[in-house]
Amino acid sequence: MDGLNKKYHLKLRLAFVIFIIFTSGFACGFALSKYFSKSAGSVPPGPPPPLAIQDLNLTEAQLGKAKLIGDKYLPEIVNLKKKIKPELDSIHEKMRNELRNILTDAQKRIFDQDTSSHPRHGHGPPMHFPPHHHRGMHPPPPHH
């Protein structure tokens, strides 16, 4: 595989992982919101609706129905997350190992210390990317 093809596949995999992480986070937030609101004895409000729904100025009745739709699919989302968690963990470990392989010895010591002091709990990749990571895979231009 040539260099460009490898970069493309890496970007594609990273985009997929980020999508799965976002979806998992949404599902976890939704589940935790339901759990904690039930334990307080109130009607669970659920997670905030997607932005597209927020822009529609829904009535209380419509919001209630939208929440029921979210509740309906929550078990499927939670089950899917449980199924893919081992695979995600494996991918995260591969990413960590590959990243560690490109580091200098001094960087490895810092990386190992950082990753051991911040244990993972299945909530995302085992590393923190710099802010420019979210704007694409290219670092910011050098300052002159």
Protein backbone atom coordinates (compact mmCIF):
# COMPACT_ATOMS: atom_id res chain seq x y z
CA MET A 1 0.00 0.00 0.00
CA ASP A 2 1.48 3.38 -0.87
CA GLY A 3 1.76 6.26 1.60
CA LEU A 4 -1.33 8.14 0.40
CA ASN A 5 -3.48 5.04 0.55
CA LYS A 6 -2.26 4.32 4.10
CA LYS A 7 -3.09 7.88 5.17
CA TYR A 8 -6.54 7.60 3.61
CA HIS A 9 -7.27 4.32 5.38
CA LEU A 10 -5.96 5.69 8.68
CA LYS A 11 -8.19 8.77 8.35
CA LEU A 12 -11.13 6.56 7.48
CA ARG A 13 -10.53 4.32 10.49
CA LEU A 14 -10.09 7.30 12.79
CA ALA A 15 -13.29 8.87 11.49
CA PHE A 16 -15.15 5.61 12.14
CA VAL A 17 -13.71 5.32 15.65
CA ILE A 18 -14.62 8.93 16.43
CA PHE A 19 -18.15 8.32 15.14
CA ILE A 20 -18.51 5.21 17.31
CA ILE A 21 -17.13 7.06 20.32
CA PHE A 22 -19.55 9.95 19.77
CA THR A 23 -22.47 7.55 19.40
CA SER A 24 -21.39 5.61 22.49
CA GLY A 25 -21.03 8.81 24.48
CA PHE A 26 -24.49 9.93 23.43
CA ALA A 27 -25.96 6.56 24.43
CA CYS A 28 -24.15 6.59 27.78
CA GLY A 29 -25.24 10.14 28.49
CA PHE A 30 -28.79 9.24 27.64
CA ALA A 31 -28.71 6.13 29.86
CA LEU A 32 -27.10 7.97 32.78
CA SER A 33 -29.59 10.79 32.47
CA LYS A 34 -32.45 8.30 32.66
CA TYR A 35 -30.87 6.46 35.59
CA PHE A 36 -30.16 9.51 37.71
CA SER A 37 -33.46 11.20 37.02
CA LYS A 38 -35.33 8.01 37.97
CA SER A 39 -33.37 7.71 41.20
CA ALA A 40 -34.48 11.24 42.13
CA GLY A 41 -38.11 10.18 41.68
CA SER A 42 -38.90 12.60 38.87
CA VAL A 43 -39.89 12.06 35.29
CA PRO A 44 -36.64 11.54 33.38
CA PRO A 45 -35.99 14.36 30.93
CA GLY A 46 -33.62 12.32 28.74
CA PRO A 47 -30.77 13.80 26.76
CA PRO A 48 -31.12 17.01 24.86
CA PRO A 49 -32.67 16.39 21.46
CA PRO A 50 -30.50 16.53 18.36
CA LEU A 51 -29.94 20.02 17.00
CA ALA A 52 -32.26 19.39 14.05
CA ILE A 53 -35.13 18.77 16.47
CA GLN A 54 -34.24 21.78 18.63
CA ASP A 55 -34.63 24.04 15.61
CA LEU A 56 -38.21 22.86 14.98
CA ASN A 57 -39.83 24.52 18.03
CA LEU A 58 -41.66 21.33 18.98
CA THR A 59 -44.62 21.40 21.34
CA GLU A 60 -44.43 19.68 24.73
CA ALA A 61 -46.47 16.81 23.26
CA GLN A 62 -44.07 16.45 20.35
CA LEU A 63 -41.07 16.58 22.70
CA GLY A 64 -42.67 13.83 24.79
CA LYS A 65 -43.13 11.68 21.70
CA ALA A 66 -39.55 12.38 20.61
CA LYS A 67 -38.35 11.23 24.03
CA LEU A 68 -40.39 8.03 23.70
CA ILE A 69 -38.70 7.39 20.36
CA GLY A 70 -35.30 7.85 22.01
CA ASP A 71 -36.32 5.54 24.87
CA LYS A 72 -37.51 2.95 22.35
CA TYR A 73 -34.09 2.67 20.69
CA LEU A 74 -31.92 3.08 23.79
CA PRO A 75 -31.74 -0.67 24.55
CA GLU A 76 -30.54 -1.35 21.00
CA ILE A 77 -27.88 1.35 21.30
CA VAL A 78 -26.72 0.05 24.68
CA ASN A 79 -26.59 -3.54 23.38
CA LEU A 80 -24.64 -2.46 20.31
CA LYS A 81 -22.17 -0.60 22.51
CA LYS A 82 -21.69 -3.72 24.64
CA LYS A 83 -21.08 -5.79 21.50
CA ILE A 84 -18.53 -3.43 19.97
CA LYS A 85 -16.72 -2.46 23.19
CA PRO A 86 -14.16 -5.31 22.99
CA GLU A 87 -13.41 -4.42 19.37
CA LEU A 88 -13.13 -0.72 20.22
CA ASP A 89 -10.82 -1.53 23.13
CA SER A 90 -8.66 -3.58 20.77
CA ILE A 91 -8.53 -0.75 18.24
CA HIS A 92 -7.68 1.75 20.97
CA GLU A 93 -4.83 -0.47 22.17
CA LYS A 94 -3.50 -0.82 18.61
CA MET A 95 -3.68 2.97 18.18
CA ARG A 96 -1.82 3.49 21.46
CA ASN A 97 0.88 1.00 20.49
CA GLU A 98 1.32 2.47 17.02
CA LEU A 99 1.51 5.98 18.42
CA ARG A 100 4.02 4.86 21.04
CA ASN A 101 6.18 3.34 18.29
CA ILE A 102 6.70 6.75 16.65
CA LEU A 103 7.84 8.43 19.87
CA THR A 104 11.36 9.09 21.10
CA ASP A 105 12.44 7.43 24.36
CA ALA A 106 11.82 10.68 26.27
CA GLN A 107 8.36 11.02 24.71
CA LYS A 108 7.59 7.37 25.52
CA ARG A 109 8.33 7.97 29.21
CA ILE A 110 5.94 10.93 29.27
CA PHE A 111 3.33 9.05 27.23
CA ASP A 112 3.53 5.99 29.49
CA GLN A 113 3.29 8.13 32.61
CA ASP A 114 0.34 10.07 31.22
CA THR A 115 -1.58 7.00 30.05
CA SER A 116 -0.95 5.12 33.31
CA SER A 117 -2.07 8.08 35.43
CA HIS A 118 -5.29 8.47 33.39
CA PRO A 119 -6.86 5.00 33.33
CA ARG A 120 -9.31 4.38 30.53
CA HIS A 121 -12.87 3.39 31.25
CA GLY A 122 -14.02 2.63 27.73
CA HIS A 123 -14.83 6.26 26.95
CA GLY A 124 -12.74 7.03 23.95
CA PRO A 125 -9.30 6.55 22.55
CA PRO A 126 -6.46 5.97 24.99
CA MET A 127 -4.77 9.21 24.02
CA HIS A 128 -5.44 12.88 23.79
CA PHE A 129 -5.06 14.48 20.41
CA PRO A 130 -4.07 18.12 20.07
CA PRO A 131 -6.84 20.63 19.30
CA HIS A 132 -6.04 20.70 15.58
CA HIS A 133 -6.93 17.00 15.39
CA HIS A 134 -10.61 17.87 15.17
CA ARG A 135 -10.07 20.21 12.23
CA GLY A 136 -8.49 17.48 10.18
CA MET A 137 -5.42 15.36 10.42
CA HIS A 138 -2.98 18.13 9.57
CA PRO A 139 -0.99 20.04 12.17
CA PRO A 140 -1.24 23.81 12.27
CA PRO A 141 1.17 25.75 10.05
CA PRO A 142 4.52 26.60 11.67
CA HIS A 143 4.85 30.02 13.25
CA HIS A 144 7.48 32.27 11.66
